[in-house]
Every structure is written in structure tokens, then in C-alpha cells.
Amino acid sequence: MRLYDKLQPTADRLITQFGEQVTFTRTYPGAFNPATGAIENSSTNVSTVYAVPSEYNSNQITVSSIQSGDLKLRVTSSMYVPNQGDAAEFNNENWVVVDYMTTRVNGLDVTYSVQIRK
């Protein structure tokens, strides 16, 4: 059995057990209609998953693109694959995905550390 096959279920279980619900929404633009001058038939994909929230420390804020007030959410790759610009609803507040980092084992994504901002 590969290491990934053991880690993914463990990550899923722990994040579900200790995490909080967050809803991510990704909007896909539709096609431009020249007759109306508008983009039509856009679609959305909504994923409600569990994530473990944490704050960034002051050292991380001063040396990177992380701003004061940004939040880090740890999610597993089997629950959600992040994309910059996704909307996130967490603790009844609206956020946006700014960036994310991937934790990989043997070339396979296990978890994502998702940076969100109000």
C-alpha cells in the first residue's frame, strides 16, 4: 500500500472531525452575446467542505503577500481543489481565495493551505 493511500483517509478524517464548515463557490463565465452585449449562461459550482482555520503569524504577514486579517484554511484534496478568486463563506462572512499552497506526497496532492481574505 502506498503512503498516499494511508495519508489521504487520515487527513480527511481529522479535518472533518476537527474542522469547521466552509462553502466555496466558483463561477464559470458564460459566452458573450453580441446582440445583448452581456455575458450569458454563466454557471457556478458550490462545494461545502470542512476546513481547519488558523491565523497567520506576524512574521508571515511582514515578509509576504499575506495581509493582516487574512486567514488560512487547511482542506484535503479529496474535498476541494482551490482556485484563486473562488468565493468562500466562513463563519457567516464572505471571503475570497487569494492563494493556496499544496502539500504533496509522492507527487499527489494531500492537503491545501488556502489563504482567504475579506
Protein backbone atom coordinates (compact mmCIF):
# COMPACT_ATOMS: atom_id res chain seq x y z
CA MET A 1 0.00 0.00 0.00
CA ARG A 2 1.37 3.40 -0.96
CA LEU A 3 1.90 6.10 1.67
CA TYR A 4 -0.64 8.33 -0.08
CA ASP A 5 -3.30 5.65 0.27
CA LYS A 6 -2.85 5.84 4.06
CA LEU A 7 -2.45 9.62 4.38
CA GLN A 8 -5.49 10.76 2.40
CA PRO A 9 -8.14 8.97 4.51
CA THR A 10 -6.36 10.12 7.69
CA ALA A 11 -6.30 13.74 6.52
CA ASP A 12 -9.99 13.53 5.53
CA ARG A 13 -10.97 12.08 8.90
CA LEU A 14 -9.01 14.58 11.00
CA ILE A 15 -10.10 17.67 9.09
CA THR A 16 -13.73 16.54 9.16
CA GLN A 17 -13.50 15.78 12.89
CA PHE A 18 -11.74 18.99 13.97
CA GLY A 19 -12.65 21.38 11.17
CA GLU A 20 -15.44 23.84 10.55
CA GLN A 21 -17.74 24.08 7.56
CA VAL A 22 -16.83 26.44 4.74
CA THR A 23 -18.63 26.89 1.43
CA PHE A 24 -16.56 27.61 -1.66
CA THR A 25 -18.22 28.93 -4.81
CA ARG A 26 -16.55 29.00 -8.20
CA THR A 27 -18.20 30.94 -11.03
CA TYR A 28 -17.55 29.99 -14.62
CA PRO A 29 -18.20 32.79 -17.11
CA GLY A 30 -20.57 32.12 -19.95
CA ALA A 31 -20.33 33.27 -23.54
CA PHE A 32 -20.51 36.84 -24.75
CA ASN A 33 -23.74 37.59 -26.58
CA PRO A 34 -23.08 40.37 -29.11
CA ALA A 35 -26.82 41.00 -29.53
CA THR A 36 -27.26 41.94 -25.86
CA GLY A 37 -23.69 42.97 -25.05
CA ALA A 38 -23.75 40.75 -21.97
CA ILE A 39 -22.17 37.53 -20.82
CA GLU A 40 -24.85 34.87 -20.62
CA ASN A 41 -25.19 31.34 -19.31
CA SER A 42 -22.56 31.58 -16.59
CA SER A 43 -22.56 28.71 -14.12
CA THR A 44 -21.42 28.12 -10.57
CA ASN A 45 -20.04 25.18 -8.65
CA VAL A 46 -20.65 25.15 -4.88
CA SER A 47 -18.64 22.93 -2.52
CA THR A 48 -19.37 22.78 1.21
CA VAL A 49 -16.43 21.14 2.96
CA TYR A 50 -14.66 21.02 6.30
CA ALA A 51 -11.54 23.09 6.89
CA VAL A 52 -9.26 23.77 9.84
CA PRO A 53 -8.80 27.54 10.21
CA SER A 54 -5.72 29.26 11.59
CA GLU A 55 -4.27 32.74 11.61
CA TYR A 56 -1.01 33.84 10.06
CA ASN A 57 1.70 34.98 12.46
CA SER A 58 3.24 38.45 12.28
CA ASN A 59 6.42 37.18 10.60
CA GLN A 60 4.40 35.74 7.74
CA ILE A 61 2.47 38.99 7.33
CA THR A 62 5.52 41.24 7.10
CA VAL A 63 7.54 39.23 4.58
CA SER A 64 4.98 38.09 2.03
CA SER A 65 1.77 38.86 0.22
CA ILE A 66 -0.20 37.91 3.33
CA GLN A 67 -2.13 40.82 4.81
CA SER A 68 -3.31 41.40 8.35
CA GLY A 69 -6.72 39.78 8.71
CA ASP A 70 -6.07 37.03 6.16
CA LEU A 71 -6.98 33.55 7.30
CA LYS A 72 -5.51 30.14 6.44
CA LEU A 73 -7.80 27.17 5.89
CA ARG A 74 -6.44 23.63 5.67
CA VAL A 75 -8.58 21.40 3.41
CA THR A 76 -7.94 17.97 1.92
CA SER A 77 -7.55 17.48 -1.80
CA SER A 78 -10.43 15.00 -1.87
CA MET A 79 -12.84 17.66 -0.55
CA TYR A 80 -11.94 20.75 -2.61
CA VAL A 81 -9.35 21.89 -5.13
CA PRO A 82 -8.80 25.65 -4.66
CA ASN A 83 -8.61 28.31 -7.32
CA GLN A 84 -7.68 31.96 -6.91
CA GLY A 85 -10.80 34.09 -6.97
CA ASP A 86 -13.16 31.47 -5.56
CA ALA A 87 -15.67 32.91 -3.10
CA ALA A 88 -15.68 31.45 0.41
CA GLU A 89 -18.32 31.74 3.10
CA PHE A 90 -16.85 31.06 6.53
CA ASN A 91 -18.32 32.00 9.94
CA ASN A 92 -21.16 33.81 8.15
CA GLU A 93 -18.67 36.13 6.45
CA ASN A 94 -17.73 36.46 2.79
CA TRP A 95 -14.12 35.88 1.81
CA VAL A 96 -12.19 35.31 -1.41
CA VAL A 97 -9.41 32.81 -2.12
CA VAL A 98 -6.20 34.80 -2.62
CA ASP A 99 -3.66 32.00 -2.87
CA TYR A 100 -3.01 28.41 -1.85
CA MET A 101 -0.14 26.04 -1.20
CA THR A 102 -0.18 22.31 -1.85
CA THR A 103 1.15 19.57 0.42
CA ARG A 104 2.20 16.71 -1.83
CA VAL A 105 3.28 13.13 -1.16
CA ASN A 106 4.85 11.13 -3.97
CA GLY A 107 3.59 13.69 -6.49
CA LEU A 108 -0.03 13.54 -5.28
CA ASP A 109 -1.89 16.39 -3.56
CA VAL A 110 -2.93 15.53 0.01
CA THR A 111 -3.95 18.89 1.51
CA TYR A 112 -4.16 22.54 0.55
CA SER A 113 -3.41 25.54 2.73
CA VAL A 114 -5.86 28.11 1.36
CA GLN A 115 -5.32 31.84 2.01
CA ILE A 116 -8.61 33.76 2.18
CA ARG A 117 -9.26 37.49 2.56
CA LYS A 118 -12.35 39.61 3.30
